[in-house]
Amino acid sequence: MQLSQNKNGISGVSFRKDEIAVKGSAAGYRWADINKALSENQAKAERLENVNPHKLKSSLDVHIESQKGQNLFIKGNSKAPSIQAPKFESHSAGIKPETNENPAASLQPTKQEQQEMDFAKEYNPKAQGAIREIKAELEKGNTSLDVNSVMEKHGFKAKKDQFVYSSRGVEKGIPKNAFDYAIKGVKQQEQIFKGIESKYNELIRKQPEKISLLDNLSGKASEKEKANSNLEREKSNAIKPEFKPRVYGLEERDFEVRPKFEQRQFEHNRQQEFKRSISPSKEQDQNKGLSR
């Protein structure tokens, strides 16, 4: 917790945890309220110092005495007696009991946001299925696949420069050129592969040199034998290349619809979590004020 000061004294409060910083007013903690609570607690503490402790009775003793003489059980009444536990007043100003309520329970989507969420539940699986199928074909090296037919199979219609999916009064389009980068990348990898494949085939077709009688007489036979041995070793170590291209730019999450309510709910939960994380610090500061 950090305090801001000006010429009149402390003017504000802010909180920081890890890399997150929030003004006190944004989290519902104003310095004026904190200062007021501390002043009230100090005044109560001063009043208690002037009281003779021997003349005081605990709230529990007072409650027990008030119950004496009362007929707690009435004949013919099978119901359990109604005894109320004494109430104790807390002097910790501003401290509320913790609840198990869901912080996002009060956050509800608007009609338009609900419509977007319903559409997303239907649209996302369709888009994911289409992208998954196109990506699988490209990973096989099929750069001549019919993208239009794949998109149509998953409920999209080709309109001008987009593949459009419509439902529940909402429509979402995927640009037709969204697949160009992925297809182009696979084609480039195919060209590189063809060069590697050509060198492999050339090596496999290469035959060892024949050694003639003249080679034996001239001394070239040993050189040819060494070259032939190296050739056989290269052939045995060579691995036939396979075309297994990598597909870039077709991540399913990039084609999903993200409803605005989910983003708003995430931000709401993040703020609630931050408030809970600084609440213990606030309670400790107030308890310090009581002990003064």
C-alpha atoms as a PDB file:
ATOM      1  CA  MET A   1       0.000   0.000   0.000  1.00  0.00           C
ATOM      2  CA  GLN A   2       1.287   3.492  -0.875  1.00  0.00           C
ATOM      3  CA  LEU A   3       0.082   6.873   0.424  1.00  0.00           C
ATOM      4  CA  SER A   4       0.011  10.061  -1.655  1.00  0.00           C
ATOM      5  CA  GLN A   5       0.694  13.417   0.046  1.00  0.00           C
ATOM      6  CA  ASN A   6       0.272  17.078  -0.741  1.00  0.00           C
ATOM      7  CA  LYS A   7       0.727  20.293   1.281  1.00  0.00           C
ATOM      8  CA  ASN A   8      -2.384  19.454   3.357  1.00  0.00           C
ATOM      9  CA  GLY A   9      -1.137  15.971   4.283  1.00  0.00           C
ATOM     10  CA  ILE A  10      -2.194  12.531   3.032  1.00  0.00           C
ATOM     11  CA  SER A  11      -4.458  12.873  -0.003  1.00  0.00           C
ATOM     12  CA  GLY A  12      -4.863   9.366  -1.414  1.00  0.00           C
ATOM     13  CA  VAL A  13      -4.002   5.693  -1.263  1.00  0.00           C
ATOM     14  CA  SER A  14      -2.971   3.150  -3.900  1.00  0.00           C
ATOM     15  CA  PHE A  15      -2.145  -0.552  -3.927  1.00  0.00           C
ATOM     16  CA  ARG A  16       0.473  -2.580  -5.781  1.00  0.00           C
ATOM     17  CA  LYS A  17       0.910  -6.347  -6.072  1.00  0.00           C
ATOM     18  CA  ASP A  18       3.435  -7.945  -8.408  1.00  0.00           C
ATOM     19  CA  GLU A  19       3.192  -5.912 -11.634  1.00  0.00           C
ATOM     20  CA  ILE A  20      -0.368  -4.631 -11.043  1.00  0.00           C
ATOM     21  CA  ALA A  21      -1.032  -1.181  -9.591  1.00  0.00           C
ATOM     22  CA  VAL A  22      -4.513   0.165  -8.799  1.00  0.00           C
ATOM     23  CA  LYS A  23      -5.714   3.416  -7.277  1.00  0.00           C
ATOM     24  CA  GLY A  24      -7.579   3.028  -4.018  1.00  0.00           C
ATOM     25  CA  SER A  25     -10.657   4.774  -5.415  1.00  0.00           C
ATOM     26  CA  ALA A  26     -10.806   2.258  -8.299  1.00  0.00           C
ATOM     27  CA  ALA A  27     -10.830  -0.637  -5.826  1.00  0.00           C
ATOM     28  CA  GLY A  28     -13.372   1.003  -3.487  1.00  0.00           C
ATOM     29  CA  TYR A  29     -10.848   2.157  -0.879  1.00  0.00           C
ATOM     30  CA  ARG A  30     -10.743   5.954  -0.439  1.00  0.00           C
ATOM     31  CA  TRP A  31      -8.334   7.589   1.985  1.00  0.00           C
ATOM     32  CA  ALA A  32     -11.158   9.698   3.417  1.00  0.00           C
ATOM     33  CA  ASP A  33     -13.065   6.534   4.429  1.00  0.00           C
ATOM     34  CA  ILE A  34      -9.952   4.840   5.823  1.00  0.00           C
ATOM     35  CA  ASN A  35      -8.990   7.954   7.796  1.00  0.00           C
ATOM     36  CA  LYS A  36     -12.521   8.261   9.195  1.00  0.00           C
ATOM     37  CA  ALA A  37     -12.526   4.596  10.309  1.00  0.00           C
ATOM     38  CA  LEU A  38      -9.140   4.983  11.993  1.00  0.00           C
ATOM     39  CA  SER A  39     -10.296   8.127  13.814  1.00  0.00           C
ATOM     40  CA  GLU A  40     -13.462   6.406  15.070  1.00  0.00           C
ATOM     41  CA  ASN A  41     -11.482   3.391  16.282  1.00  0.00           C
ATOM     42  CA  GLN A  42      -8.996   5.635  18.092  1.00  0.00           C
ATOM     43  CA  ALA A  43     -11.847   7.520  19.788  1.00  0.00           C
ATOM     44  CA  LYS A  44     -13.435   4.252  20.943  1.00  0.00           C
ATOM     45  CA  ALA A  45     -10.099   3.035  22.263  1.00  0.00           C
ATOM     46  CA  GLU A  46      -9.631   6.274  24.257  1.00  0.00           C
ATOM     47  CA  ARG A  47     -13.126   5.929  25.786  1.00  0.00           C
ATOM     48  CA  LEU A  48     -12.402   2.340  26.831  1.00  0.00           C
ATOM     49  CA  GLU A  49      -9.214   3.428  28.642  1.00  0.00           C
ATOM     50  CA  ASN A  50     -11.307   5.596  31.023  1.00  0.00           C
ATOM     51  CA  VAL A  51     -13.677   2.772  32.025  1.00  0.00           C
ATOM     52  CA  ASN A  52     -13.151   0.769  35.239  1.00  0.00           C
ATOM     53  CA  PRO A  53     -12.828  -2.847  34.037  1.00  0.00           C
ATOM     54  CA  HIS A  54     -14.151  -4.216  37.384  1.00  0.00           C
ATOM     55  CA  LYS A  55     -17.530  -2.582  36.738  1.00  0.00           C
ATOM     56  CA  LEU A  56     -17.920  -4.143  33.352  1.00  0.00           C
ATOM     57  CA  LYS A  57     -19.699  -7.376  32.593  1.00  0.00           C
ATOM     58  CA  SER A  58     -19.244  -9.275  29.401  1.00  0.00           C
ATOM     59  CA  SER A  59     -22.070  -9.356  26.910  1.00  0.00           C
ATOM     60  CA  LEU A  60     -22.390 -13.062  27.595  1.00  0.00           C
ATOM     61  CA  ASP A  61     -22.883 -12.558  31.375  1.00  0.00           C
ATOM     62  CA  VAL A  62     -25.562  -9.952  30.732  1.00  0.00           C
ATOM     63  CA  HIS A  63     -27.342 -12.266  28.347  1.00  0.00           C
ATOM     64  CA  ILE A  64     -27.256 -15.214  30.781  1.00  0.00           C
ATOM     65  CA  GLU A  65     -28.734 -13.092  33.588  1.00  0.00           C
ATOM     66  CA  SER A  66     -31.537 -11.931  31.294  1.00  0.00           C
ATOM     67  CA  GLN A  67     -32.462 -15.585  30.655  1.00  0.00           C
ATOM     68  CA  LYS A  68     -32.819 -16.465  34.355  1.00  0.00           C
ATOM     69  CA  GLY A  69     -36.344 -16.998  35.561  1.00  0.00           C
ATOM     70  CA  GLN A  70     -37.756 -17.497  32.106  1.00  0.00           C
ATOM     71  CA  ASN A  71     -39.690 -20.725  31.448  1.00  0.00           C
ATOM     72  CA  LEU A  72     -37.836 -22.098  28.467  1.00  0.00           C
ATOM     73  CA  PHE A  73     -40.001 -25.220  28.142  1.00  0.00           C
ATOM     74  CA  ILE A  74     -43.795 -25.025  28.095  1.00  0.00           C
ATOM     75  CA  LYS A  75     -45.844 -28.161  28.773  1.00  0.00           C
ATOM     76  CA  GLY A  76     -47.445 -29.562  25.640  1.00  0.00           C
ATOM     77  CA  ASN A  77     -45.090 -27.726  23.372  1.00  0.00           C
ATOM     78  CA  SER A  78     -42.881 -30.249  21.579  1.00  0.00           C
ATOM     79  CA  LYS A  79     -40.925 -27.617  19.759  1.00  0.00           C
ATOM     80  CA  ALA A  80     -37.412 -26.795  20.831  1.00  0.00           C
ATOM     81  CA  PRO A  81     -37.071 -23.595  22.855  1.00  0.00           C
ATOM     82  CA  SER A  82     -36.216 -20.481  20.961  1.00  0.00           C
ATOM     83  CA  ILE A  83     -33.005 -19.143  22.448  1.00  0.00           C
ATOM     84  CA  GLN A  84     -31.220 -16.345  20.684  1.00  0.00           C
ATOM     85  CA  ALA A  85     -27.482 -16.122  20.944  1.00  0.00           C
ATOM     86  CA  PRO A  86     -26.174 -12.812  22.223  1.00  0.00           C
ATOM     87  CA  LYS A  87     -25.008 -10.378  19.594  1.00  0.00           C
ATOM     88  CA  PHE A  88     -21.548  -8.921  19.866  1.00  0.00           C
ATOM     89  CA  GLU A  89     -20.687  -5.653  18.218  1.00  0.00           C
ATOM     90  CA  SER A  90     -17.499  -5.506  16.216  1.00  0.00           C
ATOM     91  CA  HIS A  91     -15.474  -2.326  16.592  1.00  0.00           C
ATOM     92  CA  SER A  92     -13.372  -2.986  13.502  1.00  0.00           C
ATOM     93  CA  ALA A  93     -14.690  -0.302  11.192  1.00  0.00           C
ATOM     94  CA  GLY A  94     -15.187  -1.156   7.555  1.00  0.00           C
ATOM     95  CA  ILE A  95     -14.413  -4.891   7.903  1.00  0.00           C
ATOM     96  CA  LYS A  96     -17.113  -7.069   6.368  1.00  0.00           C
ATOM     97  CA  PRO A  97     -17.457 -10.823   6.911  1.00  0.00           C
ATOM     98  CA  GLU A  98     -16.237 -12.971   4.085  1.00  0.00           C
ATOM     99  CA  THR A  99     -18.828 -14.651   1.933  1.00  0.00           C
ATOM    100  CA  ASN A 100     -18.666 -17.581  -0.424  1.00  0.00           C
ATOM    101  CA  GLU A 101     -20.564 -15.764  -3.119  1.00  0.00           C
ATOM    102  CA  ASN A 102     -19.332 -16.108  -6.660  1.00  0.00           C
ATOM    103  CA  PRO A 103     -17.885 -12.689  -7.627  1.00  0.00           C
ATOM    104  CA  ALA A 104     -19.154 -13.124 -11.184  1.00  0.00           C
ATOM    105  CA  ALA A 105     -22.666 -14.189 -10.131  1.00  0.00           C
ATOM    106  CA  SER A 106     -24.039 -10.652 -10.391  1.00  0.00           C
ATOM    107  CA  LEU A 107     -22.510 -10.101 -13.831  1.00  0.00           C
ATOM    108  CA  GLN A 108     -25.066 -11.010 -16.479  1.00  0.00           C
ATOM    109  CA  PRO A 109     -24.806 -10.690 -20.277  1.00  0.00           C
ATOM    110  CA  THR A 110     -26.974  -8.241 -22.163  1.00  0.00           C
ATOM    111  CA  LYS A 111     -29.401  -9.525 -24.765  1.00  0.00           C
ATOM    112  CA  GLN A 112     -26.945  -8.745 -27.540  1.00  0.00           C
ATOM    113  CA  GLU A 113     -24.069 -10.359 -25.634  1.00  0.00           C
ATOM    114  CA  GLN A 114     -26.139 -13.502 -25.044  1.00  0.00           C
ATOM    115  CA  GLN A 115     -26.908 -13.631 -28.764  1.00  0.00           C
ATOM    116  CA  GLU A 116     -23.185 -13.406 -29.519  1.00  0.00           C
ATOM    117  CA  MET A 117     -22.439 -16.214 -27.040  1.00  0.00           C
ATOM    118  CA  ASP A 118     -25.072 -18.509 -28.578  1.00  0.00           C
ATOM    119  CA  PHE A 119     -23.692 -17.796 -32.045  1.00  0.00           C
ATOM    120  CA  ALA A 120     -20.125 -18.494 -30.915  1.00  0.00           C
ATOM    121  CA  LYS A 121     -21.111 -21.916 -29.511  1.00  0.00           C
ATOM    122  CA  GLU A 122     -22.421 -22.863 -32.957  1.00  0.00           C
ATOM    123  CA  TYR A 123     -19.872 -21.056 -35.132  1.00  0.00           C
ATOM    124  CA  ASN A 124     -16.585 -21.995 -33.470  1.00  0.00           C
ATOM    125  CA  PRO A 125     -16.878 -25.796 -33.961  1.00  0.00           C
ATOM    126  CA  LYS A 126     -17.766 -25.212 -37.641  1.00  0.00           C
ATOM    127  CA  ALA A 127     -14.798 -22.920 -38.243  1.00  0.00           C
ATOM    128  CA  GLN A 128     -12.443 -25.217 -36.324  1.00  0.00           C
ATOM    129  CA  GLY A 129     -13.566 -28.233 -38.361  1.00  0.00           C
ATOM    130  CA  ALA A 130     -12.999 -26.439 -41.677  1.00  0.00           C
ATOM    131  CA  ILE A 131      -9.552 -25.155 -40.691  1.00  0.00           C
ATOM    132  CA  ARG A 132      -8.566 -28.574 -39.354  1.00  0.00           C
ATOM    133  CA  GLU A 133      -9.516 -30.299 -42.623  1.00  0.00           C
ATOM    134  CA  ILE A 134      -7.714 -27.763 -44.839  1.00  0.00           C
ATOM    135  CA  LYS A 135      -4.612 -27.953 -42.660  1.00  0.00           C
ATOM    136  CA  ALA A 136      -4.623 -31.773 -42.804  1.00  0.00           C
ATOM    137  CA  GLU A 137      -4.687 -31.710 -46.621  1.00  0.00           C
ATOM    138  CA  LEU A 138      -1.824 -29.229 -46.791  1.00  0.00           C
ATOM    139  CA  GLU A 139       0.233 -31.362 -44.398  1.00  0.00           C
ATOM    140  CA  LYS A 140      -0.128 -34.161 -46.964  1.00  0.00           C
ATOM    141  CA  GLY A 141       1.305 -31.810 -49.590  1.00  0.00           C
ATOM    142  CA  ASN A 142      -2.008 -31.332 -51.375  1.00  0.00           C
ATOM    143  CA  THR A 143      -1.740 -27.715 -52.540  1.00  0.00           C
ATOM    144  CA  SER A 144      -4.452 -28.159 -55.164  1.00  0.00           C
ATOM    145  CA  LEU A 145      -7.252 -28.829 -52.668  1.00  0.00           C
ATOM    146  CA  ASP A 146     -10.636 -27.195 -53.262  1.00  0.00           C
ATOM    147  CA  VAL A 147     -10.978 -24.747 -50.364  1.00  0.00           C
ATOM    148  CA  ASN A 148     -14.458 -23.676 -51.498  1.00  0.00           C
ATOM    149  CA  SER A 149     -15.898 -27.184 -51.220  1.00  0.00           C
ATOM    150  CA  VAL A 150     -14.336 -27.724 -47.788  1.00  0.00           C
ATOM    151  CA  MET A 151     -15.776 -24.468 -46.433  1.00  0.00           C
ATOM    152  CA  GLU A 152     -19.186 -25.208 -47.939  1.00  0.00           C
ATOM    153  CA  LYS A 153     -19.206 -28.652 -46.312  1.00  0.00           C
ATOM    154  CA  HIS A 154     -18.857 -26.961 -42.919  1.00  0.00           C
ATOM    155  CA  GLY A 155     -21.727 -24.513 -43.461  1.00  0.00           C
ATOM    156  CA  PHE A 156     -19.920 -21.533 -45.019  1.00  0.00           C
ATOM    157  CA  LYS A 157     -21.070 -19.815 -48.204  1.00  0.00           C
ATOM    158  CA  ALA A 158     -18.770 -18.069 -50.664  1.00  0.00           C
ATOM    159  CA  LYS A 159     -19.733 -14.379 -50.977  1.00  0.00           C
ATOM    160  CA  LYS A 160     -17.441 -12.057 -52.922  1.00  0.00           C
ATOM    161  CA  ASP A 161     -14.132 -12.143 -51.075  1.00  0.00           C
ATOM    162  CA  GLN A 162     -15.318 -14.029 -47.979  1.00  0.00           C
ATOM    163  CA  PHE A 163     -16.639 -17.340 -46.727  1.00  0.00           C
ATOM    164  CA  VAL A 164     -19.664 -16.364 -44.605  1.00  0.00           C
ATOM    165  CA  TYR A 165     -21.430 -18.348 -41.882  1.00  0.00           C
ATOM    166  CA  SER A 166     -24.908 -17.107 -40.870  1.00  0.00           C
ATOM    167  CA  SER A 167     -27.105 -18.190 -37.952  1.00  0.00           C
ATOM    168  CA  ARG A 168     -29.401 -16.662 -35.287  1.00  0.00           C
ATOM    169  CA  GLY A 169     -29.434 -13.332 -37.084  1.00  0.00           C
ATOM    170  CA  VAL A 170     -25.634 -13.062 -36.841  1.00  0.00           C
ATOM    171  CA  GLU A 171     -23.041 -13.704 -39.525  1.00  0.00           C
ATOM    172  CA  LYS A 172     -19.270 -14.004 -39.516  1.00  0.00           C
ATOM    173  CA  GLY A 173     -16.942 -14.057 -42.503  1.00  0.00           C
ATOM    174  CA  ILE A 174     -13.491 -15.501 -43.121  1.00  0.00           C
ATOM    175  CA  PRO A 175     -11.508 -13.768 -45.905  1.00  0.00           C
ATOM    176  CA  LYS A 176     -10.784 -16.052 -48.840  1.00  0.00           C
ATOM    177  CA  ASN A 177      -7.158 -14.927 -48.891  1.00  0.00           C
ATOM    178  CA  ALA A 178      -6.739 -16.144 -45.286  1.00  0.00           C
ATOM    179  CA  PHE A 179      -5.479 -19.445 -46.728  1.00  0.00           C
ATOM    180  CA  ASP A 180      -3.093 -17.969 -49.315  1.00  0.00           C
ATOM    181  CA  TYR A 181      -0.136 -17.668 -46.941  1.00  0.00           C
ATOM    182  CA  ALA A 182      -0.408 -21.283 -45.791  1.00  0.00           C
ATOM    183  CA  ILE A 183      -0.765 -22.649 -49.338  1.00  0.00           C
ATOM    184  CA  LYS A 184       2.120 -20.507 -50.608  1.00  0.00           C
ATOM    185  CA  GLY A 185       4.330 -21.718 -47.758  1.00  0.00           C
ATOM    186  CA  VAL A 186       3.653 -25.370 -48.590  1.00  0.00           C
ATOM    187  CA  LYS A 187       4.413 -24.761 -52.277  1.00  0.00           C
ATOM    188  CA  GLN A 188       7.771 -23.192 -51.384  1.00  0.00           C
ATOM    189  CA  GLN A 189       8.627 -26.188 -49.215  1.00  0.00           C
ATOM    190  CA  GLU A 190       7.663 -28.438 -52.120  1.00  0.00           C
ATOM    191  CA  GLN A 191      10.194 -26.738 -54.406  1.00  0.00           C
ATOM    192  CA  ILE A 192      12.943 -27.230 -51.827  1.00  0.00           C
ATOM    193  CA  PHE A 193      11.926 -30.863 -51.421  1.00  0.00           C
ATOM    194  CA  LYS A 194      12.126 -31.497 -55.158  1.00  0.00           C
ATOM    195  CA  GLY A 195      15.755 -30.351 -55.158  1.00  0.00           C
ATOM    196  CA  ILE A 196      16.594 -32.705 -52.277  1.00  0.00           C
ATOM    197  CA  GLU A 197      14.725 -35.567 -53.954  1.00  0.00           C
ATOM    198  CA  SER A 198      16.587 -35.004 -57.227  1.00  0.00           C
ATOM    199  CA  LYS A 199      19.981 -35.285 -55.506  1.00  0.00           C
ATOM    200  CA  TYR A 200      18.900 -38.486 -53.766  1.00  0.00           C
ATOM    201  CA  ASN A 201      17.715 -40.099 -57.001  1.00  0.00           C
ATOM    202  CA  GLU A 202      20.943 -39.104 -58.729  1.00  0.00           C
ATOM    203  CA  LEU A 203      22.967 -40.782 -55.975  1.00  0.00           C
ATOM    204  CA  ILE A 204      20.944 -43.998 -56.140  1.00  0.00           C
ATOM    205  CA  ARG A 205      21.279 -44.213 -59.953  1.00  0.00           C
ATOM    206  CA  LYS A 206      25.039 -43.714 -59.877  1.00  0.00           C
ATOM    207  CA  GLN A 207      26.982 -46.899 -60.674  1.00  0.00           C
ATOM    208  CA  PRO A 208      30.458 -47.877 -59.462  1.00  0.00           C
ATOM    209  CA  GLU A 209      33.325 -47.484 -61.927  1.00  0.00           C
ATOM    210  CA  LYS A 210      34.615 -50.552 -63.732  1.00  0.00           C
ATOM    211  CA  ILE A 211      38.204 -51.492 -63.125  1.00  0.00           C
ATOM    212  CA  SER A 212      40.058 -52.640 -66.257  1.00  0.00           C
ATOM    213  CA  LEU A 213      43.369 -54.433 -66.756  1.00  0.00           C
ATOM    214  CA  LEU A 214      44.913 -51.155 -67.820  1.00  0.00           C
ATOM    215  CA  ASP A 215      43.842 -49.606 -64.501  1.00  0.00           C
ATOM    216  CA  ASN A 216      45.675 -52.372 -62.698  1.00  0.00           C
ATOM    217  CA  LEU A 217      48.802 -51.775 -64.730  1.00  0.00           C
ATOM    218  CA  SER A 218      48.679 -47.985 -64.393  1.00  0.00           C
ATOM    219  CA  GLY A 219      47.953 -47.989 -60.680  1.00  0.00           C
ATOM    220  CA  LYS A 220      44.517 -46.321 -61.010  1.00  0.00           C
ATOM    221  CA  ALA A 221      42.720 -49.420 -59.806  1.00  0.00           C
ATOM    222  CA  SER A 222      43.228 -48.557 -56.128  1.00  0.00           C
ATOM    223  CA  GLU A 223      41.785 -45.060 -56.650  1.00  0.00           C
ATOM    224  CA  LYS A 224      38.700 -46.455 -58.362  1.00  0.00           C
ATOM    225  CA  GLU A 225      38.246 -49.093 -55.682  1.00  0.00           C
ATOM    226  CA  LYS A 226      38.330 -46.385 -53.013  1.00  0.00           C
ATOM    227  CA  ALA A 227      35.811 -44.248 -54.946  1.00  0.00           C
ATOM    228  CA  ASN A 228      33.494 -47.227 -55.395  1.00  0.00           C
ATOM    229  CA  SER A 229      33.726 -48.032 -51.684  1.00  0.00           C
ATOM    230  CA  ASN A 230      32.781 -44.449 -50.786  1.00  0.00           C
ATOM    231  CA  LEU A 231      29.856 -44.577 -53.214  1.00  0.00           C
ATOM    232  CA  GLU A 232      28.471 -47.750 -51.680  1.00  0.00           C
ATOM    233  CA  ARG A 233      28.778 -46.257 -48.205  1.00  0.00           C
ATOM    234  CA  GLU A 234      26.923 -43.089 -49.276  1.00  0.00           C
ATOM    235  CA  LYS A 235      24.142 -45.166 -50.813  1.00  0.00           C
ATOM    236  CA  SER A 236      23.729 -47.295 -47.700  1.00  0.00           C
ATOM    237  CA  ASN A 237      23.585 -44.210 -45.460  1.00  0.00           C
ATOM    238  CA  ALA A 238      21.230 -42.248 -47.707  1.00  0.00           C
ATOM    239  CA  ILE A 239      17.613 -41.938 -46.525  1.00  0.00           C
ATOM    240  CA  LYS A 240      14.858 -41.510 -49.029  1.00  0.00           C
ATOM    241  CA  PRO A 241      13.336 -38.045 -48.470  1.00  0.00           C
ATOM    242  CA  GLU A 242       9.631 -37.682 -47.694  1.00  0.00           C
ATOM    243  CA  PHE A 243       7.586 -34.578 -48.261  1.00  0.00           C
ATOM    244  CA  LYS A 244       6.135 -33.596 -44.883  1.00  0.00           C
ATOM    245  CA  PRO A 245       5.530 -29.862 -45.069  1.00  0.00           C
ATOM    246  CA  ARG A 246       4.744 -27.685 -42.076  1.00  0.00           C
ATOM    247  CA  VAL A 247       1.662 -25.493 -42.319  1.00  0.00           C
ATOM    248  CA  TYR A 248       1.905 -21.939 -41.000  1.00  0.00           C
ATOM    249  CA  GLY A 249      -0.833 -19.363 -40.441  1.00  0.00           C
ATOM    250  CA  LEU A 250      -3.741 -21.752 -39.865  1.00  0.00           C
ATOM    251  CA  GLU A 251      -4.226 -21.814 -36.108  1.00  0.00           C
ATOM    252  CA  GLU A 252      -7.796 -22.673 -35.136  1.00  0.00           C
ATOM    253  CA  ARG A 253      -7.916 -20.098 -32.327  1.00  0.00           C
ATOM    254  CA  ASP A 254      -7.243 -17.299 -34.846  1.00  0.00           C
ATOM    255  CA  PHE A 255     -10.543 -18.055 -36.576  1.00  0.00           C
ATOM    256  CA  GLU A 256     -12.711 -18.346 -33.462  1.00  0.00           C
ATOM    257  CA  VAL A 257     -15.309 -15.821 -32.302  1.00  0.00           C
ATOM    258  CA  ARG A 258     -14.629 -14.359 -28.858  1.00  0.00           C
ATOM    259  CA  PRO A 259     -17.857 -12.959 -27.336  1.00  0.00           C
ATOM    260  CA  LYS A 260     -17.533  -9.520 -25.740  1.00  0.00           C
ATOM    261  CA  PHE A 261     -19.201 -10.771 -22.548  1.00  0.00           C
ATOM    262  CA  GLU A 262     -16.442 -13.323 -21.949  1.00  0.00           C
ATOM    263  CA  GLN A 263     -13.860 -10.549 -22.193  1.00  0.00           C
ATOM    264  CA  ARG A 264     -15.918  -8.334 -19.866  1.00  0.00           C
ATOM    265  CA  GLN A 265     -16.352 -11.211 -17.417  1.00  0.00           C
ATOM    266  CA  PHE A 266     -12.613 -11.928 -17.458  1.00  0.00           C
ATOM    267  CA  GLU A 267     -11.822  -8.300 -16.626  1.00  0.00           C
ATOM    268  CA  HIS A 268     -14.478  -8.275 -13.893  1.00  0.00           C
ATOM    269  CA  ASN A 269     -13.055 -11.433 -12.290  1.00  0.00           C
ATOM    270  CA  ARG A 270      -9.533 -10.025 -12.496  1.00  0.00           C
ATOM    271  CA  GLN A 271     -10.589  -6.878 -10.618  1.00  0.00           C
ATOM    272  CA  GLN A 272     -12.436  -8.923  -7.987  1.00  0.00           C
ATOM    273  CA  GLU A 273      -9.404 -11.143  -7.494  1.00  0.00           C
ATOM    274  CA  PHE A 274      -7.186  -8.095  -7.045  1.00  0.00           C
ATOM    275  CA  LYS A 275      -9.568  -6.618  -4.452  1.00  0.00           C
ATOM    276  CA  ARG A 276      -9.498  -9.881  -2.495  1.00  0.00           C
ATOM    277  CA  SER A 277      -5.713  -9.974  -2.683  1.00  0.00           C
ATOM    278  CA  ILE A 278      -5.355  -6.551  -1.022  1.00  0.00           C
ATOM    279  CA  SER A 279      -8.146  -7.007   1.552  1.00  0.00           C
ATOM    280  CA  PRO A 280      -5.892  -8.713   4.148  1.00  0.00           C
ATOM    281  CA  SER A 281      -3.475  -5.773   3.954  1.00  0.00           C
ATOM    282  CA  LYS A 282      -6.328  -3.354   4.566  1.00  0.00           C
ATOM    283  CA  GLU A 283      -7.547  -5.344   7.583  1.00  0.00           C
ATOM    284  CA  GLN A 284      -4.040  -5.430   9.053  1.00  0.00           C
ATOM    285  CA  ASP A 285      -3.726  -1.651   8.704  1.00  0.00           C
ATOM    286  CA  GLN A 286      -7.050  -1.165  10.516  1.00  0.00           C
ATOM    287  CA  ASN A 287      -6.058  -3.549  13.311  1.00  0.00           C
ATOM    288  CA  LYS A 288      -2.854  -1.557  13.783  1.00  0.00           C
ATOM    289  CA  GLY A 289      -5.025   1.531  14.272  1.00  0.00           C
ATOM    290  CA  LEU A 290      -7.009  -0.249  17.015  1.00  0.00           C
ATOM    291  CA  SER A 291      -3.877  -1.256  18.891  1.00  0.00           C
ATOM    292  CA  ARG A 292      -2.568   2.311  19.093  1.00  0.00           C
END
